[in-house]
């Protein structure tokens, strides 16, 4: 049987066999060839100089369990397609220039245990659907532009999961008084 390969930054990767990919020094837009790696489980592009938005094709990587796009210069909204990756257990988008709301669909990520959206420009309220993340043990939403009230339900969730409240409120304009 003939194997199919795709070339990413001068290296060839087997489309069917590549399960983990870590790249450095991309210094440009998201390489579209990555989306051909249909069995990819771990994608680490941390600090690789990515610019532009996160492509919606990220949703094609259905087996992805770990996604780390931190410490780049990514901008725009977090695409809804990320929240269709139901196998994600770790999502790290910290230290980019992402803006807009945290999508309500974040609650779809039932296997998520690690969430870091810190140091971006995310705004608006924290969606109550975040309380659906039953497996979460680490969350960091600090240094964004989040605003509004933290509901009693969210406070109870934070307490039940023993999550540090500082990892949610610091660097944001959130009100701890329920409305």
Foldseek 3Di string as FASTA:
>chain_A
DDWDWDDDPNDIDTLAPAAEDEDAQPQEADPPSVLSNQNHAYYHDELRAHEEADDLSVLSNLNHAEDAPDNYAHEEADDCSVLNNQNHQEDHHEDYAYEEADDLSVLSNQNHAYEEHEQYAYEEAHHLSVLSNVNHQYYAHAQYAYEEEQAPSNVVSCVVSVYDPCSHPHNYHYDDDHD
